[in-house]
Protein backbone atom coordinates (compact mmCIF):
# COMPACT_ATOMS: atom_id res chain seq x y z
CA MET A 1 10.09 -64.50 -37.84
CA GLU A 2 10.54 -68.09 -36.66
CA THR A 3 12.19 -68.68 -33.35
CA LEU A 4 15.57 -70.31 -33.66
CA ASP A 5 16.24 -73.52 -31.78
CA TRP A 6 19.59 -74.65 -30.43
CA LYS A 7 21.45 -77.11 -32.64
CA PRO A 8 24.68 -78.99 -31.85
CA GLU A 9 26.52 -77.18 -34.65
CA TYR A 10 26.11 -73.94 -32.66
CA SER A 11 28.44 -75.27 -29.97
CA VAL A 12 31.67 -73.40 -29.31
CA GLY A 13 32.99 -76.50 -27.56
CA HIS A 14 32.91 -75.25 -23.98
CA PRO A 15 30.10 -76.55 -21.73
CA ALA A 16 29.62 -73.33 -19.72
CA ILE A 17 29.47 -71.09 -22.78
CA ASP A 18 27.21 -73.52 -24.64
CA ALA A 19 24.91 -73.67 -21.59
CA ASP A 20 24.74 -69.85 -21.58
CA HIS A 21 23.91 -69.80 -25.28
CA LYS A 22 21.24 -72.50 -24.85
CA GLY A 23 19.74 -70.36 -22.09
CA LEU A 24 19.53 -67.38 -24.43
CA PHE A 25 17.86 -69.50 -27.10
CA ALA A 26 15.32 -70.63 -24.47
CA LEU A 27 14.73 -67.04 -23.35
CA VAL A 28 14.09 -65.93 -26.93
CA ARG A 29 11.66 -68.81 -27.39
CA GLU A 30 9.89 -67.88 -24.13
CA LEU A 31 9.65 -64.27 -25.24
CA ARG A 32 8.26 -65.29 -28.62
CA GLU A 33 5.60 -67.56 -27.11
CA ALA A 34 4.66 -65.36 -24.16
CA ASP A 35 1.37 -63.65 -23.56
CA MET A 36 3.22 -60.41 -22.94
CA SER A 37 2.50 -58.42 -19.84
CA ASP A 38 4.36 -55.65 -18.08
CA GLY A 39 5.60 -57.98 -15.35
CA LEU A 40 6.81 -60.63 -17.78
CA LEU A 41 8.63 -58.15 -20.01
CA THR A 42 10.29 -56.53 -16.99
CA SER A 43 11.38 -59.99 -15.82
CA ILE A 44 12.76 -60.93 -19.24
CA LEU A 45 14.69 -57.66 -19.52
CA GLY A 46 16.14 -58.31 -16.06
CA ARG A 47 17.13 -61.83 -17.06
CA LEU A 48 18.75 -60.49 -20.22
CA GLU A 49 20.75 -58.06 -18.11
CA ALA A 50 21.91 -60.89 -15.83
CA TYR A 51 22.73 -63.00 -18.88
CA ALA A 52 24.83 -60.27 -20.44
CA GLU A 53 26.73 -59.56 -17.24
CA GLY A 54 27.54 -63.17 -16.39
CA HIS A 55 27.96 -64.65 -19.85
CA PHE A 56 30.04 -61.85 -21.31
CA ALA A 57 32.40 -61.92 -18.31
CA ARG A 58 32.86 -65.72 -18.61
CA GLU A 59 33.31 -65.59 -22.36
CA GLU A 60 35.79 -62.71 -22.26
CA ALA A 61 37.83 -64.37 -19.49
CA MET A 62 38.08 -67.58 -21.53
CA MET A 63 39.03 -65.69 -24.68
CA ARG A 64 41.68 -63.79 -22.71
CA ALA A 65 43.07 -67.02 -21.23
CA GLY A 66 43.15 -68.62 -24.67
CA GLY A 67 44.94 -65.69 -26.28
CA TYR A 68 42.13 -64.81 -28.67
CA PRO A 69 43.62 -62.10 -30.94
CA ASP A 70 40.33 -60.23 -31.59
CA LEU A 71 39.30 -59.94 -27.94
CA ASP A 72 39.00 -56.14 -27.93
CA GLU A 73 36.76 -56.17 -31.01
CA HIS A 74 34.60 -58.93 -29.51
CA MET A 75 34.31 -57.04 -26.21
CA ALA A 76 33.19 -53.94 -28.12
CA LYS A 77 30.34 -55.99 -29.61
CA HIS A 78 29.34 -57.08 -26.12
CA ARG A 79 29.27 -53.42 -25.05
CA VAL A 80 26.96 -52.61 -27.97
CA PHE A 81 24.56 -55.30 -26.72
CA VAL A 82 24.64 -53.91 -23.17
CA GLU A 83 24.04 -50.38 -24.48
CA TRP A 84 21.10 -51.63 -26.57
CA LEU A 85 19.60 -53.36 -23.55
CA ASP A 86 20.01 -50.27 -21.36
CA SER A 87 18.32 -48.19 -24.04
CA VAL A 88 15.40 -50.62 -24.30
CA LYS A 89 14.90 -50.66 -20.54
CA LYS A 90 15.01 -46.87 -20.24
CA THR A 91 12.70 -46.35 -23.21
CA TYR A 92 10.22 -48.95 -21.97
CA HIS A 93 10.01 -47.40 -18.50
CA ARG A 94 9.49 -43.90 -19.94
CA ALA A 95 7.25 -44.67 -22.90
CA ALA A 96 3.62 -45.58 -23.15
CA GLU A 97 4.31 -48.47 -25.51
CA SER A 98 2.67 -51.73 -24.64
CA PRO A 99 4.71 -54.67 -23.35
CA PHE A 100 3.65 -56.54 -26.49
CA GLN A 101 5.17 -53.94 -28.83
CA VAL A 102 8.42 -53.74 -26.90
CA GLY A 103 8.52 -57.52 -26.52
CA GLU A 104 8.20 -57.97 -30.28
CA ALA A 105 11.01 -55.49 -30.93
CA VAL A 106 13.24 -57.19 -28.36
CA ASN A 107 12.49 -60.61 -29.84
CA ASP A 108 13.28 -59.46 -33.37
CA PHE A 109 16.57 -57.91 -32.24
CA LEU A 110 17.59 -60.98 -30.23
CA GLN A 111 16.93 -63.37 -33.08
CA ARG A 112 19.11 -61.29 -35.40
CA TRP A 113 21.74 -61.04 -32.68
CA LEU A 114 21.73 -64.81 -32.16
CA VAL A 115 22.57 -65.31 -35.81
CA GLU A 116 25.03 -62.44 -36.17
CA HIS A 117 26.85 -62.74 -32.86
CA ILE A 118 26.64 -66.23 -31.47
CA LEU A 119 26.55 -68.14 -34.72
CA GLU A 120 29.13 -66.03 -36.53
CA GLU A 121 31.26 -63.97 -34.10
CA ASP A 122 31.51 -66.56 -31.34
CA MET A 123 32.47 -69.30 -33.78
CA GLN A 124 35.64 -67.34 -34.52
CA TYR A 125 37.06 -67.95 -31.03
CA ARG A 126 36.32 -71.70 -30.89
CA ASP A 127 39.96 -72.68 -31.40
CA TYR A 128 41.11 -70.29 -28.66
CA VAL A 129 38.80 -71.38 -25.87
CA VAL A 130 40.42 -73.73 -23.41
CA LYS A 131 38.15 -76.75 -23.03
CA PRO A 132 37.63 -78.12 -19.49
């Protein structure tokens, strides 16, 4: 699977959210190009956790402030991502799978998620996000 690159048409029109999304695109690219090791995968999983915590909180606060009508549904999708990430971390720390195998699975999931969530779901709230 080819790594996706950020394009201007992916913008939701808010600099902080767009910066977060660009960061996730960069992280996926780094994961795809990495010579995977245990330390690198652990670092990337930690960065994904920090991304989810910070980005989802910012995004949800802006949707709430803008009166986005499908906020609860969108938040549920964020929870699914967090649950997936927790599962990956727990499985990786318990299993004998190599960092390369887990890294490939994470990369494949994230690329699908970028398309399905950011490029489809997030575009639905564009008109509700208050621009700075």
